Amino acid sequence: MIRHALIFWISIALAAWGLVTEFMIRGLAALSIFILPLVLLALLYYAYKIVPGRTNGGPGRPRTKVKPSAKTMSKVAGIRKTQAASPGKRKTYPFQVIEGSKGKNDDQLPKYH
């Protein structure tokens, strides 16, 4: 983690050094280099943040709700009834215990089980 932070801050320092030297050489004409990247970043921000908000109803318009059909509601109600009615019942599994052929001996059972 410290290595990544070190690389990040070295990159920031080199970028700042490059900006300072560019302004010292060209003056305010150096700002023309940054116009195109700033415009592209603004367009990307607009496309990412603002446009998808408008297509999904946006903050000003209410979103339409989809009403489930009666068949779907009856299925949901049936599932809820079976789940609520059977908390005390034990599940039945399609497995069974098969007794071994050796038989049981109470003397061989461990004392602390």
N, C-alpha and C. Protein backbone atom coordinates (compact mmCIF):
# COMPACT_ATOMS: atom_id res chain seq x y z
N MET A 1 0.83 -1.19 0.00
CA MET A 1 0.00 0.00 0.00
C MET A 1 0.87 1.25 0.00
N ILE A 2 1.94 1.22 0.75
CA ILE A 2 2.83 2.37 0.83
C ILE A 2 3.51 2.58 -0.53
N ARG A 3 3.83 1.46 -1.22
CA ARG A 3 4.49 1.56 -2.52
C ARG A 3 3.60 2.25 -3.54
N HIS A 4 2.29 1.91 -3.51
CA HIS A 4 1.35 2.54 -4.43
C HIS A 4 1.21 4.03 -4.13
N ALA A 5 1.19 4.39 -2.88
CA ALA A 5 1.08 5.80 -2.50
C ALA A 5 2.35 6.55 -2.93
N LEU A 6 3.48 5.90 -2.81
CA LEU A 6 4.74 6.52 -3.22
C LEU A 6 4.75 6.77 -4.73
N ILE A 7 4.31 5.79 -5.49
CA ILE A 7 4.25 5.95 -6.95
C ILE A 7 3.26 7.05 -7.32
N PHE A 8 2.12 7.10 -6.64
CA PHE A 8 1.12 8.14 -6.91
C PHE A 8 1.69 9.53 -6.66
N TRP A 9 2.33 9.75 -5.51
CA TRP A 9 2.83 11.07 -5.18
C TRP A 9 4.02 11.46 -6.06
N ILE A 10 4.82 10.51 -6.47
CA ILE A 10 5.91 10.83 -7.41
C ILE A 10 5.32 11.25 -8.75
N SER A 11 4.26 10.57 -9.20
CA SER A 11 3.60 10.95 -10.45
C SER A 11 3.01 12.34 -10.36
N ILE A 12 2.38 12.66 -9.24
CA ILE A 12 1.80 14.00 -9.06
C ILE A 12 2.90 15.06 -9.06
N ALA A 13 4.01 14.77 -8.39
CA ALA A 13 5.11 15.73 -8.33
C ALA A 13 5.71 15.96 -9.72
N LEU A 14 5.87 14.89 -10.50
CA LEU A 14 6.40 15.05 -11.86
C LEU A 14 5.44 15.82 -12.76
N ALA A 15 4.13 15.58 -12.60
CA ALA A 15 3.15 16.32 -13.39
C ALA A 15 3.18 17.80 -13.02
N ALA A 16 3.27 18.10 -11.75
CA ALA A 16 3.35 19.51 -11.32
C ALA A 16 4.62 20.16 -11.84
N TRP A 17 5.74 19.43 -11.79
CA TRP A 17 7.00 19.96 -12.32
C TRP A 17 6.87 20.24 -13.82
N GLY A 18 6.23 19.35 -14.55
CA GLY A 18 6.02 19.56 -15.98
C GLY A 18 5.15 20.77 -16.26
N LEU A 19 4.10 20.98 -15.47
CA LEU A 19 3.24 22.16 -15.65
C LEU A 19 4.00 23.45 -15.38
N VAL A 20 4.76 23.44 -14.33
CA VAL A 20 5.51 24.65 -13.97
C VAL A 20 6.52 24.99 -15.07
N THR A 21 7.25 24.01 -15.55
CA THR A 21 8.24 24.29 -16.59
C THR A 21 7.57 24.70 -17.89
N GLU A 22 6.40 24.11 -18.21
CA GLU A 22 5.67 24.48 -19.43
C GLU A 22 5.20 25.94 -19.35
N PHE A 23 4.70 26.36 -18.17
CA PHE A 23 4.28 27.75 -18.01
C PHE A 23 5.47 28.71 -18.06
N MET A 24 6.61 28.27 -17.56
CA MET A 24 7.79 29.14 -17.61
C MET A 24 8.29 29.31 -19.05
N ILE A 25 8.16 28.30 -19.87
CA ILE A 25 8.65 28.37 -21.25
C ILE A 25 7.66 29.10 -22.14
N ARG A 26 6.37 28.70 -22.12
CA ARG A 26 5.40 29.24 -23.06
C ARG A 26 4.52 30.34 -22.48
N GLY A 27 4.43 30.44 -21.20
CA GLY A 27 3.53 31.42 -20.59
C GLY A 27 2.10 30.92 -20.63
N LEU A 28 1.17 31.84 -20.86
CA LEU A 28 -0.25 31.46 -20.88
C LEU A 28 -0.64 30.69 -22.13
N ALA A 29 0.20 30.64 -23.13
CA ALA A 29 -0.09 29.84 -24.33
C ALA A 29 -0.09 28.35 -24.01
N ALA A 30 0.49 27.98 -22.90
CA ALA A 30 0.51 26.57 -22.49
C ALA A 30 -0.89 26.07 -22.14
N LEU A 31 -1.81 26.99 -21.83
CA LEU A 31 -3.18 26.58 -21.51
C LEU A 31 -3.90 25.98 -22.71
N SER A 32 -3.48 26.35 -23.92
CA SER A 32 -4.13 25.81 -25.12
C SER A 32 -3.92 24.30 -25.25
N ILE A 33 -2.88 23.77 -24.63
CA ILE A 33 -2.65 22.33 -24.66
C ILE A 33 -3.71 21.60 -23.86
N PHE A 34 -4.24 22.23 -22.83
CA PHE A 34 -5.19 21.57 -21.94
C PHE A 34 -6.64 21.74 -22.34
N ILE A 35 -6.92 22.51 -23.37
CA ILE A 35 -8.32 22.77 -23.74
C ILE A 35 -8.99 21.49 -24.24
N LEU A 36 -8.38 20.78 -25.16
CA LEU A 36 -8.99 19.57 -25.72
C LEU A 36 -9.20 18.48 -24.66
N PRO A 37 -8.21 18.16 -23.83
CA PRO A 37 -8.47 17.15 -22.80
C PRO A 37 -9.56 17.57 -21.80
N LEU A 38 -9.62 18.85 -21.46
CA LEU A 38 -10.66 19.30 -20.54
C LEU A 38 -12.05 19.20 -21.17
N VAL A 39 -12.16 19.51 -22.45
CA VAL A 39 -13.45 19.37 -23.15
C VAL A 39 -13.87 17.91 -23.19
N LEU A 40 -12.92 17.02 -23.49
CA LEU A 40 -13.24 15.59 -23.52
C LEU A 40 -13.66 15.07 -22.14
N LEU A 41 -12.98 15.51 -21.10
CA LEU A 41 -13.36 15.10 -19.75
C LEU A 41 -14.75 15.62 -19.38
N ALA A 42 -15.06 16.83 -19.80
CA ALA A 42 -16.39 17.39 -19.51
C ALA A 42 -17.47 16.60 -20.24
N LEU A 43 -17.22 16.22 -21.48
CA LEU A 43 -18.20 15.42 -22.23
C LEU A 43 -18.38 14.04 -21.61
N LEU A 44 -17.30 13.42 -21.19
CA LEU A 44 -17.40 12.12 -20.54
C LEU A 44 -18.18 12.21 -19.23
N TYR A 45 -17.92 13.26 -18.47
CA TYR A 45 -18.64 13.46 -17.22
C TYR A 45 -20.14 13.65 -17.49
N TYR A 46 -20.44 14.44 -18.50
CA TYR A 46 -21.84 14.68 -18.86
C TYR A 46 -22.51 13.38 -19.29
N ALA A 47 -21.82 12.60 -20.11
CA ALA A 47 -22.39 11.35 -20.60
C ALA A 47 -22.55 10.33 -19.48
N TYR A 48 -21.66 10.32 -18.54
CA TYR A 48 -21.69 9.32 -17.48
C TYR A 48 -22.67 9.67 -16.36
N LYS A 49 -22.73 10.91 -15.97
CA LYS A 49 -23.54 11.31 -14.81
C LYS A 49 -24.92 11.83 -15.16
N ILE A 50 -25.02 12.67 -16.15
CA ILE A 50 -26.26 13.41 -16.36
C ILE A 50 -27.20 12.71 -17.32
N VAL A 51 -26.72 12.20 -18.43
CA VAL A 51 -27.59 11.60 -19.44
C VAL A 51 -28.29 10.35 -18.93
N PRO A 52 -27.63 9.38 -18.26
CA PRO A 52 -28.38 8.22 -17.77
C PRO A 52 -29.46 8.58 -16.76
N GLY A 53 -29.31 9.65 -16.01
CA GLY A 53 -30.33 10.08 -15.06
C GLY A 53 -31.60 10.51 -15.75
N ARG A 54 -31.49 11.07 -16.93
CA ARG A 54 -32.68 11.53 -17.66
C ARG A 54 -33.40 10.38 -18.33
N THR A 55 -32.69 9.35 -18.75
CA THR A 55 -33.35 8.25 -19.43
C THR A 55 -34.11 7.37 -18.46
N ASN A 56 -33.77 7.37 -17.18
CA ASN A 56 -34.45 6.53 -16.20
C ASN A 56 -35.54 7.29 -15.45
N GLY A 57 -36.01 8.35 -15.97
CA GLY A 57 -37.04 9.11 -15.29
C GLY A 57 -36.51 10.39 -14.70
N GLY A 58 -35.26 10.42 -14.36
CA GLY A 58 -34.64 11.63 -13.85
C GLY A 58 -35.16 12.02 -12.48
N PRO A 59 -34.56 13.04 -11.90
CA PRO A 59 -35.00 13.45 -10.57
C PRO A 59 -36.34 14.17 -10.59
N GLY A 60 -36.72 14.78 -11.72
CA GLY A 60 -37.95 15.56 -11.77
C GLY A 60 -39.18 14.74 -12.09
N ARG A 61 -38.99 13.62 -12.80
CA ARG A 61 -40.14 12.83 -13.22
C ARG A 61 -40.29 11.59 -12.34
N PRO A 62 -41.51 11.24 -12.00
CA PRO A 62 -41.69 10.01 -11.22
C PRO A 62 -41.49 8.78 -12.11
N ARG A 63 -40.97 7.75 -11.54
CA ARG A 63 -40.75 6.52 -12.29
C ARG A 63 -42.03 5.71 -12.30
N THR A 64 -42.29 5.06 -13.41
CA THR A 64 -43.49 4.25 -13.52
C THR A 64 -43.27 2.93 -12.81
N LYS A 65 -44.28 2.51 -12.08
CA LYS A 65 -44.20 1.25 -11.37
C LYS A 65 -44.92 0.18 -12.17
N VAL A 66 -44.37 -1.01 -12.15
CA VAL A 66 -44.98 -2.13 -12.85
C VAL A 66 -45.82 -2.91 -11.85
N LYS A 67 -47.10 -3.08 -12.17
CA LYS A 67 -47.98 -3.80 -11.28
C LYS A 67 -47.89 -5.29 -11.62
N PRO A 68 -47.59 -6.14 -10.63
CA PRO A 68 -47.51 -7.58 -10.92
C PRO A 68 -48.89 -8.15 -11.23
N SER A 69 -48.91 -9.20 -12.03
CA SER A 69 -50.17 -9.80 -12.42
C SER A 69 -50.77 -10.59 -11.26
N ALA A 70 -52.04 -10.94 -11.40
CA ALA A 70 -52.73 -11.70 -10.35
C ALA A 70 -52.12 -13.08 -10.19
N LYS A 71 -51.67 -13.67 -11.29
CA LYS A 71 -51.05 -14.99 -11.24
C LYS A 71 -49.75 -14.93 -10.44
N THR A 72 -48.97 -13.90 -10.67
CA THR A 72 -47.72 -13.74 -9.92
C THR A 72 -48.00 -13.52 -8.44
N MET A 73 -48.99 -12.71 -8.13
CA MET A 73 -49.32 -12.44 -6.73
C MET A 73 -49.82 -13.70 -6.03
N SER A 74 -50.57 -14.55 -6.74
CA SER A 74 -51.05 -15.79 -6.11
C SER A 74 -49.89 -16.73 -5.83
N LYS A 75 -48.90 -16.76 -6.73
CA LYS A 75 -47.71 -17.59 -6.49
C LYS A 75 -46.95 -17.09 -5.27
N VAL A 76 -46.77 -15.78 -5.18
CA VAL A 76 -46.05 -15.20 -4.06
C VAL A 76 -46.78 -15.47 -2.76
N ALA A 77 -48.10 -15.35 -2.78
CA ALA A 77 -48.90 -15.59 -1.58
C ALA A 77 -48.80 -17.05 -1.16
N GLY A 78 -48.81 -17.97 -2.13
CA GLY A 78 -48.69 -19.40 -1.82
C GLY A 78 -47.34 -19.73 -1.22
N ILE A 79 -46.29 -19.12 -1.73
CA ILE A 79 -44.95 -19.36 -1.19
C ILE A 79 -44.85 -18.81 0.22
N ARG A 80 -45.41 -17.65 0.46
CA ARG A 80 -45.36 -17.05 1.79
C ARG A 80 -46.12 -17.88 2.82
N LYS A 81 -47.28 -18.47 2.41
CA LYS A 81 -48.06 -19.28 3.33
C LYS A 81 -47.29 -20.53 3.72
N THR A 82 -46.67 -21.19 2.76
CA THR A 82 -45.95 -22.43 3.08
C THR A 82 -44.73 -22.14 3.94
N GLN A 83 -44.09 -21.01 3.73
CA GLN A 83 -42.92 -20.67 4.55
C GLN A 83 -43.34 -20.29 5.96
N ALA A 84 -44.45 -19.60 6.12
CA ALA A 84 -44.88 -19.16 7.43
C ALA A 84 -45.50 -20.31 8.22
N ALA A 85 -46.10 -21.28 7.56
CA ALA A 85 -46.81 -22.34 8.26
C ALA A 85 -45.87 -23.44 8.76
N SER A 86 -44.68 -23.55 8.21
CA SER A 86 -43.84 -24.70 8.54
C SER A 86 -42.55 -24.38 9.29
N PRO A 87 -42.51 -23.41 10.21
CA PRO A 87 -41.26 -23.21 10.93
C PRO A 87 -41.00 -24.28 11.97
N GLY A 88 -42.07 -24.92 12.53
CA GLY A 88 -41.89 -25.93 13.55
C GLY A 88 -41.67 -27.32 12.96
N LYS A 89 -42.06 -27.52 11.72
CA LYS A 89 -41.92 -28.83 11.10
C LYS A 89 -40.46 -29.09 10.74
N ARG A 90 -40.14 -30.35 10.73
CA ARG A 90 -38.79 -30.74 10.35
C ARG A 90 -38.78 -31.11 8.87
N LYS A 91 -37.75 -30.73 8.18
CA LYS A 91 -37.67 -31.04 6.76
C LYS A 91 -37.45 -32.53 6.58
N THR A 92 -38.04 -33.06 5.54
CA THR A 92 -37.80 -34.46 5.21
C THR A 92 -36.82 -34.52 4.06
N TYR A 93 -35.80 -35.31 4.26
CA TYR A 93 -34.77 -35.47 3.25
C TYR A 93 -34.87 -36.86 2.65
N PRO A 94 -34.49 -37.03 1.41
CA PRO A 94 -34.57 -38.36 0.78
C PRO A 94 -33.40 -39.26 1.15
N PHE A 95 -32.86 -39.09 2.34
CA PHE A 95 -31.73 -39.91 2.79
C PHE A 95 -32.18 -40.76 3.97
N GLN A 96 -31.52 -41.86 4.15
CA GLN A 96 -31.78 -42.67 5.33
C GLN A 96 -30.47 -43.25 5.84
N VAL A 97 -30.44 -43.54 7.12
CA VAL A 97 -29.25 -44.09 7.74
C VAL A 97 -29.26 -45.60 7.54
N ILE A 98 -28.17 -46.12 7.03
CA ILE A 98 -28.04 -47.56 6.83
C ILE A 98 -27.17 -48.10 7.95
N GLU A 99 -27.71 -49.01 8.72
CA GLU A 99 -26.97 -49.60 9.84
C GLU A 99 -25.88 -50.50 9.29
N GLY A 100 -24.74 -50.47 9.94
CA GLY A 100 -23.63 -51.32 9.52
C GLY A 100 -23.84 -52.77 9.93
N SER A 101 -23.02 -53.68 9.39
CA SER A 101 -23.17 -55.10 9.67
C SER A 101 -22.42 -55.53 10.93
N LYS A 102 -21.62 -54.66 11.53
CA LYS A 102 -20.84 -55.02 12.72
C LYS A 102 -21.70 -55.07 13.97
N GLY A 103 -22.76 -54.30 14.00
CA GLY A 103 -23.56 -54.25 15.21
C GLY A 103 -23.01 -53.20 16.16
N LYS A 104 -23.77 -52.92 17.19
CA LYS A 104 -23.36 -51.89 18.13
C LYS A 104 -22.92 -52.54 19.43
N ASN A 105 -21.91 -51.98 20.02
CA ASN A 105 -21.44 -52.43 21.31
C ASN A 105 -21.31 -51.20 22.19
N ASP A 106 -22.04 -51.16 23.28
CA ASP A 106 -22.04 -49.99 24.15
C ASP A 106 -20.69 -49.78 24.83
N ASP A 107 -19.89 -50.83 24.98
CA ASP A 107 -18.59 -50.69 25.63
C ASP A 107 -17.60 -49.93 24.74
N GLN A 108 -17.78 -50.01 23.44
CA GLN A 108 -16.83 -49.37 22.54
C GLN A 108 -17.17 -47.90 22.26
N LEU A 109 -18.31 -47.41 22.72
CA LEU A 109 -18.67 -46.02 22.51
C LEU A 109 -17.74 -45.13 23.33
N PRO A 110 -17.33 -44.01 22.81
CA PRO A 110 -16.48 -43.12 23.58
C PRO A 110 -17.25 -42.53 24.77
N LYS A 111 -16.53 -42.32 25.86
CA LYS A 111 -17.17 -41.80 27.08
C LYS A 111 -17.57 -40.34 26.93
N TYR A 112 -16.74 -39.58 26.24
CA TYR A 112 -17.02 -38.15 26.05
C TYR A 112 -17.28 -37.93 24.56
N HIS A 113 -18.52 -37.84 24.24
CA HIS A 113 -18.88 -37.70 22.83
C HIS A 113 -19.50 -36.37 22.60
